[in-house]
PDB file of N, CA and C in Angstrom:
ATOM      1  N   MET A   1       5.368 -49.062 -53.346  1.00  0.00           N
ATOM      2  CA  MET A   1       5.329 -50.434 -52.948  1.00  0.00           C
ATOM      3  C   MET A   1       4.632 -51.293 -53.001  1.00  0.00           C
ATOM      4  N   GLY A   2       5.053 -52.191 -53.401  1.00  0.00           N
ATOM      5  CA  GLY A   2       4.124 -53.541 -53.774  1.00  0.00           C
ATOM      6  C   GLY A   2       4.607 -54.640 -53.210  1.00  0.00           C
ATOM      7  N   ASN A   3       4.158 -55.687 -53.102  1.00  0.00           N
ATOM      8  CA  ASN A   3       4.562 -57.117 -53.142  1.00  0.00           C
ATOM      9  C   ASN A   3       4.941 -58.200 -53.749  1.00  0.00           C
ATOM     10  N   GLN A   4       5.694 -58.957 -53.328  1.00  0.00           N
ATOM     11  CA  GLN A   4       6.052 -60.019 -54.686  1.00  0.00           C
ATOM     12  C   GLN A   4       6.242 -61.035 -53.761  1.00  0.00           C
ATOM     13  N   MET A   5       5.571 -62.260 -54.010  1.00  0.00           N
ATOM     14  CA  MET A   5       5.532 -63.958 -53.206  1.00  0.00           C
ATOM     15  C   MET A   5       6.118 -64.556 -54.089  1.00  0.00           C
ATOM     16  N   VAL A   6       7.225 -65.060 -53.388  1.00  0.00           N
ATOM     17  CA  VAL A   6       7.851 -66.202 -53.931  1.00  0.00           C
ATOM     18  C   VAL A   6       8.213 -67.629 -53.212  1.00  0.00           C
ATOM     19  N   THR A   7       8.238 -68.775 -53.977  1.00  0.00           N
ATOM     20  CA  THR A   7       8.490 -69.860 -52.550  1.00  0.00           C
ATOM     21  C   THR A   7      10.048 -69.771 -52.250  1.00  0.00           C
ATOM     22  N   LEU A   8      10.207 -70.665 -51.597  1.00  0.00           N
ATOM     23  CA  LEU A   8      11.740 -71.033 -50.852  1.00  0.00           C
ATOM     24  C   LEU A   8      12.866 -71.148 -52.277  1.00  0.00           C
ATOM     25  N   ASP A   9      11.920 -72.163 -53.248  1.00  0.00           N
ATOM     26  CA  ASP A   9      12.658 -72.805 -53.989  1.00  0.00           C
ATOM     27  C   ASP A   9      12.664 -71.953 -55.155  1.00  0.00           C
ATOM     28  N   ASP A  10      12.260 -70.812 -55.323  1.00  0.00           N
ATOM     29  CA  ASP A  10      12.280 -69.871 -56.470  1.00  0.00           C
ATOM     30  C   ASP A  10      13.821 -68.875 -56.241  1.00  0.00           C
ATOM     31  N   LEU A  11      14.194 -68.708 -54.678  1.00  0.00           N
ATOM     32  CA  LEU A  11      15.043 -68.098 -54.223  1.00  0.00           C
ATOM     33  C   LEU A  11      16.351 -69.236 -54.407  1.00  0.00           C
ATOM     34  N   LYS A  12      16.095 -70.540 -54.244  1.00  0.00           N
ATOM     35  CA  LYS A  12      17.938 -71.118 -54.358  1.00  0.00           C
ATOM     36  C   LYS A  12      18.807 -70.977 -55.238  1.00  0.00           C
ATOM     37  N   GLY A  13      19.719 -70.723 -55.031  1.00  0.00           N
ATOM     38  CA  GLY A  13      21.082 -70.583 -56.137  1.00  0.00           C
ATOM     39  C   GLY A  13      21.001 -69.112 -56.132  1.00  0.00           C
ATOM     40  N   ARG A  14      20.030 -68.185 -55.554  1.00  0.00           N
ATOM     41  CA  ARG A  14      20.465 -66.944 -55.827  1.00  0.00           C
ATOM     42  C   ARG A  14      21.269 -66.256 -54.195  1.00  0.00           C
ATOM     43  N   PRO A  15      22.154 -65.686 -54.559  1.00  0.00           N
ATOM     44  CA  PRO A  15      22.899 -65.076 -53.445  1.00  0.00           C
ATOM     45  C   PRO A  15      22.075 -63.990 -52.652  1.00  0.00           C
ATOM     46  N   LEU A  16      22.120 -64.061 -51.354  1.00  0.00           N
ATOM     47  CA  LEU A  16      21.392 -63.409 -50.315  1.00  0.00           C
ATOM     48  C   LEU A  16      21.487 -62.048 -50.762  1.00  0.00           C
ATOM     49  N   GLU A  17      22.833 -61.628 -51.077  1.00  0.00           N
ATOM     50  CA  GLU A  17      22.938 -60.116 -51.015  1.00  0.00           C
ATOM     51  C   GLU A  17      22.197 -59.510 -52.552  1.00  0.00           C
ATOM     52  N   GLU A  18      22.127 -60.437 -53.452  1.00  0.00           N
ATOM     53  CA  GLU A  18      21.510 -60.112 -54.770  1.00  0.00           C
ATOM     54  C   GLU A  18      19.698 -59.781 -54.287  1.00  0.00           C
ATOM     55  N   VAL A  19      19.365 -60.550 -53.482  1.00  0.00           N
ATOM     56  CA  VAL A  19      17.903 -60.763 -53.025  1.00  0.00           C
ATOM     57  C   VAL A  19      17.648 -59.642 -52.316  1.00  0.00           C
ATOM     58  N   LEU A  20      18.472 -59.051 -51.217  1.00  0.00           N
ATOM     59  CA  LEU A  20      18.249 -58.065 -50.491  1.00  0.00           C
ATOM     60  C   LEU A  20      18.431 -56.860 -51.205  1.00  0.00           C
ATOM     61  N   GLN A  21      19.338 -56.793 -52.021  1.00  0.00           N
ATOM     62  CA  GLN A  21      19.415 -55.735 -52.941  1.00  0.00           C
ATOM     63  C   GLN A  21      18.436 -55.119 -53.611  1.00  0.00           C
ATOM     64  N   ALA A  22      17.745 -56.330 -54.366  1.00  0.00           N
ATOM     65  CA  ALA A  22      16.201 -56.058 -55.368  1.00  0.00           C
ATOM     66  C   ALA A  22      15.447 -55.820 -54.222  1.00  0.00           C
ATOM     67  N   VAL A  23      15.401 -56.059 -53.416  1.00  0.00           N
ATOM     68  CA  VAL A  23      14.179 -55.699 -52.308  1.00  0.00           C
ATOM     69  C   VAL A  23      14.333 -54.285 -51.998  1.00  0.00           C
ATOM     70  N   ALA A  24      15.503 -53.711 -51.748  1.00  0.00           N
ATOM     71  CA  ALA A  24      16.136 -52.220 -51.385  1.00  0.00           C
ATOM     72  C   ALA A  24      15.899 -51.797 -52.576  1.00  0.00           C
ATOM     73  N   ASP A  25      16.150 -52.104 -53.734  1.00  0.00           N
ATOM     74  CA  ASP A  25      15.711 -51.269 -54.782  1.00  0.00           C
ATOM     75  C   ASP A  25      14.604 -50.926 -55.550  1.00  0.00           C
ATOM     76  N   GLN A  26      13.627 -52.136 -55.586  1.00  0.00           N
ATOM     77  CA  GLN A  26      12.373 -52.028 -55.704  1.00  0.00           C
ATOM     78  C   GLN A  26      11.800 -51.204 -54.737  1.00  0.00           C
ATOM     79  N   GLN A  27      11.902 -51.045 -53.379  1.00  0.00           N
ATOM     80  CA  GLN A  27      11.428 -50.606 -52.462  1.00  0.00           C
ATOM     81  C   GLN A  27       9.965 -51.563 -52.325  1.00  0.00           C
ATOM     82  N   ALA A  28       9.999 -52.641 -52.039  1.00  0.00           N
ATOM     83  CA  ALA A  28       8.933 -53.560 -52.339  1.00  0.00           C
ATOM     84  C   ALA A  28       9.124 -54.908 -50.788  1.00  0.00           C
ATOM     85  N   THR A  29       7.931 -55.271 -50.973  1.00  0.00           N
ATOM     86  CA  THR A  29       8.198 -56.275 -49.611  1.00  0.00           C
ATOM     87  C   THR A  29       8.304 -57.800 -50.666  1.00  0.00           C
ATOM     88  N   LEU A  30       9.379 -58.380 -50.300  1.00  0.00           N
ATOM     89  CA  LEU A  30       9.060 -59.669 -50.599  1.00  0.00           C
ATOM     90  C   LEU A  30       8.754 -60.584 -49.287  1.00  0.00           C
ATOM     91  N   ILE A  31       7.625 -61.571 -49.918  1.00  0.00           N
ATOM     92  CA  ILE A  31       6.986 -62.560 -49.091  1.00  0.00           C
ATOM     93  C   ILE A  31       7.595 -63.881 -49.640  1.00  0.00           C
ATOM     94  N   VAL A  32       8.199 -64.609 -48.832  1.00  0.00           N
ATOM     95  CA  VAL A  32       8.877 -65.759 -49.273  1.00  0.00           C
ATOM     96  C   VAL A  32       7.899 -67.053 -48.167  1.00  0.00           C
ATOM     97  N   ARG A  33       7.432 -68.166 -49.064  1.00  0.00           N
ATOM     98  CA  ARG A  33       6.474 -69.326 -48.681  1.00  0.00           C
ATOM     99  C   ARG A  33       7.689 -70.186 -48.403  1.00  0.00           C
ATOM    100  N   LEU A  34       7.282 -70.651 -47.086  1.00  0.00           N
ATOM    101  CA  LEU A  34       8.363 -71.752 -46.819  1.00  0.00           C
ATOM    102  C   LEU A  34       7.699 -73.035 -47.062  1.00  0.00           C
ATOM    103  N   HIS A  35       8.186 -74.102 -46.956  1.00  0.00           N
ATOM    104  CA  HIS A  35       8.150 -75.473 -47.597  1.00  0.00           C
ATOM    105  C   HIS A  35       6.732 -75.948 -46.303  1.00  0.00           C
ATOM    106  N   ASP A  36       6.660 -75.587 -45.321  1.00  0.00           N
ATOM    107  CA  ASP A  36       5.591 -75.839 -44.478  1.00  0.00           C
ATOM    108  C   ASP A  36       4.419 -74.983 -44.491  1.00  0.00           C
ATOM    109  N   GLY A  37       4.373 -73.800 -45.225  1.00  0.00           N
ATOM    110  CA  GLY A  37       3.261 -72.675 -45.542  1.00  0.00           C
ATOM    111  C   GLY A  37       3.550 -71.663 -44.934  1.00  0.00           C
ATOM    112  N   GLN A  38       4.369 -71.569 -44.013  1.00  0.00           N
ATOM    113  CA  GLN A  38       4.666 -70.470 -43.118  1.00  0.00           C
ATOM    114  C   GLN A  38       5.076 -69.665 -44.121  1.00  0.00           C
ATOM    115  N   GLN A  39       5.091 -68.180 -43.928  1.00  0.00           N
ATOM    116  CA  GLN A  39       5.541 -67.112 -44.583  1.00  0.00           C
ATOM    117  C   GLN A  39       6.454 -66.253 -43.737  1.00  0.00           C
ATOM    118  N   VAL A  40       7.598 -65.664 -44.516  1.00  0.00           N
ATOM    119  CA  VAL A  40       8.318 -64.671 -44.089  1.00  0.00           C
ATOM    120  C   VAL A  40       8.338 -63.662 -45.133  1.00  0.00           C
ATOM    121  N   ALA A  41       8.108 -62.322 -44.542  1.00  0.00           N
ATOM    122  CA  ALA A  41       8.218 -60.892 -45.285  1.00  0.00           C
ATOM    123  C   ALA A  41       9.657 -60.280 -44.813  1.00  0.00           C
ATOM    124  N   ILE A  42      10.183 -59.875 -46.376  1.00  0.00           N
ATOM    125  CA  ILE A  42      11.144 -59.250 -46.102  1.00  0.00           C
ATOM    126  C   ILE A  42      10.725 -58.111 -46.578  1.00  0.00           C
ATOM    127  N   GLU A  43      11.073 -56.849 -45.731  1.00  0.00           N
ATOM    128  CA  GLU A  43      10.920 -55.635 -46.681  1.00  0.00           C
ATOM    129  C   GLU A  43      12.015 -54.120 -46.031  1.00  0.00           C
ATOM    130  N   PRO A  44      12.130 -53.147 -47.121  1.00  0.00           N
ATOM    131  CA  PRO A  44      12.735 -52.394 -46.674  1.00  0.00           C
ATOM    132  C   PRO A  44      12.568 -51.719 -45.400  1.00  0.00           C
ATOM    133  N   LYS A  45      13.495 -50.930 -44.895  1.00  0.00           N
ATOM    134  CA  LYS A  45      13.391 -49.775 -44.042  1.00  0.00           C
ATOM    135  C   LYS A  45      12.809 -48.728 -44.529  1.00  0.00           C
ATOM    136  N   PRO A  46      11.792 -48.051 -43.858  1.00  0.00           N
ATOM    137  CA  PRO A  46      11.116 -46.821 -44.588  1.00  0.00           C
ATOM    138  C   PRO A  46      12.325 -45.518 -44.454  1.00  0.00           C
ATOM    139  N   HIS A  47      12.208 -44.671 -45.529  1.00  0.00           N
ATOM    140  CA  HIS A  47      12.883 -43.481 -45.299  1.00  0.00           C
ATOM    141  C   HIS A  47      12.141 -42.865 -44.792  1.00  0.00           C
ATOM    142  N   LEU A  48      12.770 -42.029 -43.726  1.00  0.00           N
ATOM    143  CA  LEU A  48      12.140 -40.754 -42.884  1.00  0.00           C
ATOM    144  C   LEU A  48      12.113 -39.754 -43.217  1.00  0.00           C
ATOM    145  N   LYS A  49      11.473 -38.575 -43.297  1.00  0.00           N
ATOM    146  CA  LYS A  49      11.957 -36.954 -43.781  1.00  0.00           C
ATOM    147  C   LYS A  49      12.399 -36.537 -42.697  1.00  0.00           C
ATOM    148  N   PRO A  50      13.382 -35.591 -42.978  1.00  0.00           N
ATOM    149  CA  PRO A  50      14.292 -35.226 -42.278  1.00  0.00           C
ATOM    150  C   PRO A  50      12.948 -34.296 -41.550  1.00  0.00           C
ATOM    151  N   LEU A  51      13.449 -33.554 -40.096  1.00  0.00           N
ATOM    152  CA  LEU A  51      12.493 -33.118 -39.429  1.00  0.00           C
ATOM    153  C   LEU A  51      12.943 -31.708 -39.531  1.00  0.00           C
ATOM    154  N   PRO A  52      11.593 -30.854 -39.191  1.00  0.00           N
ATOM    155  CA  PRO A  52      11.745 -29.548 -39.997  1.00  0.00           C
ATOM    156  C   PRO A  52      12.647 -28.639 -38.631  1.00  0.00           C
ATOM    157  N   GLU A  53      13.578 -27.711 -39.311  1.00  0.00           N
ATOM    158  CA  GLU A  53      14.151 -26.718 -38.285  1.00  0.00           C
ATOM    159  C   GLU A  53      13.280 -25.449 -37.795  1.00  0.00           C
ATOM    160  N   LEU A  54      13.139 -25.543 -36.641  1.00  0.00           N
ATOM    161  CA  LEU A  54      12.283 -24.558 -36.074  1.00  0.00           C
ATOM    162  C   LEU A  54      12.787 -23.210 -35.412  1.00  0.00           C
ATOM    163  N   ALA A  55      12.095 -22.117 -35.851  1.00  0.00           N
ATOM    164  CA  ALA A  55      12.832 -20.975 -35.379  1.00  0.00           C
ATOM    165  C   ALA A  55      12.576 -20.638 -33.719  1.00  0.00           C
ATOM    166  N   GLY A  56      13.500 -20.255 -33.134  1.00  0.00           N
ATOM    167  CA  GLY A  56      13.273 -20.211 -31.761  1.00  0.00           C
ATOM    168  C   GLY A  56      14.664 -20.040 -30.964  1.00  0.00           C
ATOM    169  N   SER A  57      14.604 -20.064 -29.859  1.00  0.00           N
ATOM    170  CA  SER A  57      15.857 -19.794 -29.215  1.00  0.00           C
ATOM    171  C   SER A  57      15.592 -20.454 -27.652  1.00  0.00           C
ATOM    172  N   VAL A  58      16.603 -20.490 -26.923  1.00  0.00           N
ATOM    173  CA  VAL A  58      16.564 -21.403 -25.848  1.00  0.00           C
ATOM    174  C   VAL A  58      17.243 -20.288 -24.707  1.00  0.00           C
ATOM    175  N   ALA A  59      16.709 -19.902 -23.467  1.00  0.00           N
ATOM    176  CA  ALA A  59      16.907 -18.964 -22.838  1.00  0.00           C
ATOM    177  C   ALA A  59      18.238 -19.060 -22.286  1.00  0.00           C
ATOM    178  N   LYS A  60      18.994 -18.471 -22.287  1.00  0.00           N
ATOM    179  CA  LYS A  60      20.382 -18.047 -21.328  1.00  0.00           C
ATOM    180  C   LYS A  60      20.266 -18.688 -19.774  1.00  0.00           C
ATOM    181  N   GLY A  61      20.985 -19.915 -19.668  1.00  0.00           N
ATOM    182  CA  GLY A  61      21.391 -20.322 -18.310  1.00  0.00           C
ATOM    183  C   GLY A  61      19.936 -21.488 -18.052  1.00  0.00           C
ATOM    184  N   TRP A  62      19.436 -21.890 -18.590  1.00  0.00           N
ATOM    185  CA  TRP A  62      18.124 -22.715 -18.491  1.00  0.00           C
ATOM    186  C   TRP A  62      18.539 -24.218 -17.939  1.00  0.00           C
ATOM    187  N   LYS A  63      19.900 -24.507 -17.884  1.00  0.00           N
ATOM    188  CA  LYS A  63      20.213 -25.971 -17.136  1.00  0.00           C
ATOM    189  C   LYS A  63      20.157 -25.489 -16.101  1.00  0.00           C
ATOM    190  N   GLU A  64      20.940 -24.023 -15.598  1.00  0.00           N
ATOM    191  CA  GLU A  64      20.957 -23.859 -13.676  1.00  0.00           C
ATOM    192  C   GLU A  64      19.522 -23.498 -13.332  1.00  0.00           C
ATOM    193  N   ALA A  65      18.538 -23.039 -14.355  1.00  0.00           N
ATOM    194  CA  ALA A  65      17.035 -22.801 -14.051  1.00  0.00           C
ATOM    195  C   ALA A  65      16.637 -24.560 -13.468  1.00  0.00           C
ATOM    196  N   CYS A  66      17.031 -25.208 -14.116  1.00  0.00           N
ATOM    197  CA  CYS A  66      16.303 -26.791 -13.831  1.00  0.00           C
ATOM    198  C   CYS A  66      16.751 -27.405 -12.666  1.00  0.00           C
ATOM    199  N   VAL A  67      18.169 -27.217 -12.356  1.00  0.00           N
ATOM    200  CA  VAL A  67      18.726 -27.444 -11.162  1.00  0.00           C
ATOM    201  C   VAL A  67      18.377 -26.767  -9.623  1.00  0.00           C
ATOM    202  N   TYR A  68      18.191 -25.531  -9.637  1.00  0.00           N
ATOM    203  CA  TYR A  68      17.586 -24.869  -8.960  1.00  0.00           C
ATOM    204  C   TYR A  68      16.191 -25.045  -8.536  1.00  0.00           C
ATOM    205  N   ALA A  69      15.073 -25.999  -9.682  1.00  0.00           N
ATOM    206  CA  ALA A  69      13.724 -25.949  -9.564  1.00  0.00           C
ATOM    207  C   ALA A  69      13.819 -27.542  -8.588  1.00  0.00           C
ATOM    208  N   GLY A  70      14.919 -28.157  -8.643  1.00  0.00           N
ATOM    209  CA  GLY A  70      14.678 -29.420  -8.142  1.00  0.00           C
ATOM    210  C   GLY A  70      14.536 -30.355  -9.207  1.00  0.00           C
ATOM    211  N   ARG A  71      14.718 -30.029 -10.785  1.00  0.00           N
ATOM    212  CA  ARG A  71      14.652 -31.274 -11.641  1.00  0.00           C
ATOM    213  C   ARG A  71      15.785 -31.901 -12.164  1.00  0.00           C
TER     214      ARG A  71
END
């Protein structure tokens, strides 16, 4: 994943959907420099790996045990 820096003028005339789709497709951060020198970063949401499935079991009646224990 890389960074790309552009000015606000570079983006004028480009549809927002096109800009956002390019960020998503390239999996890159787009840094936009505003006229006053401030910068805004647009970046894709990271993809999370699925959680592993763990072997095991839950004891029958576990809910009732919690109620009796005062939880």
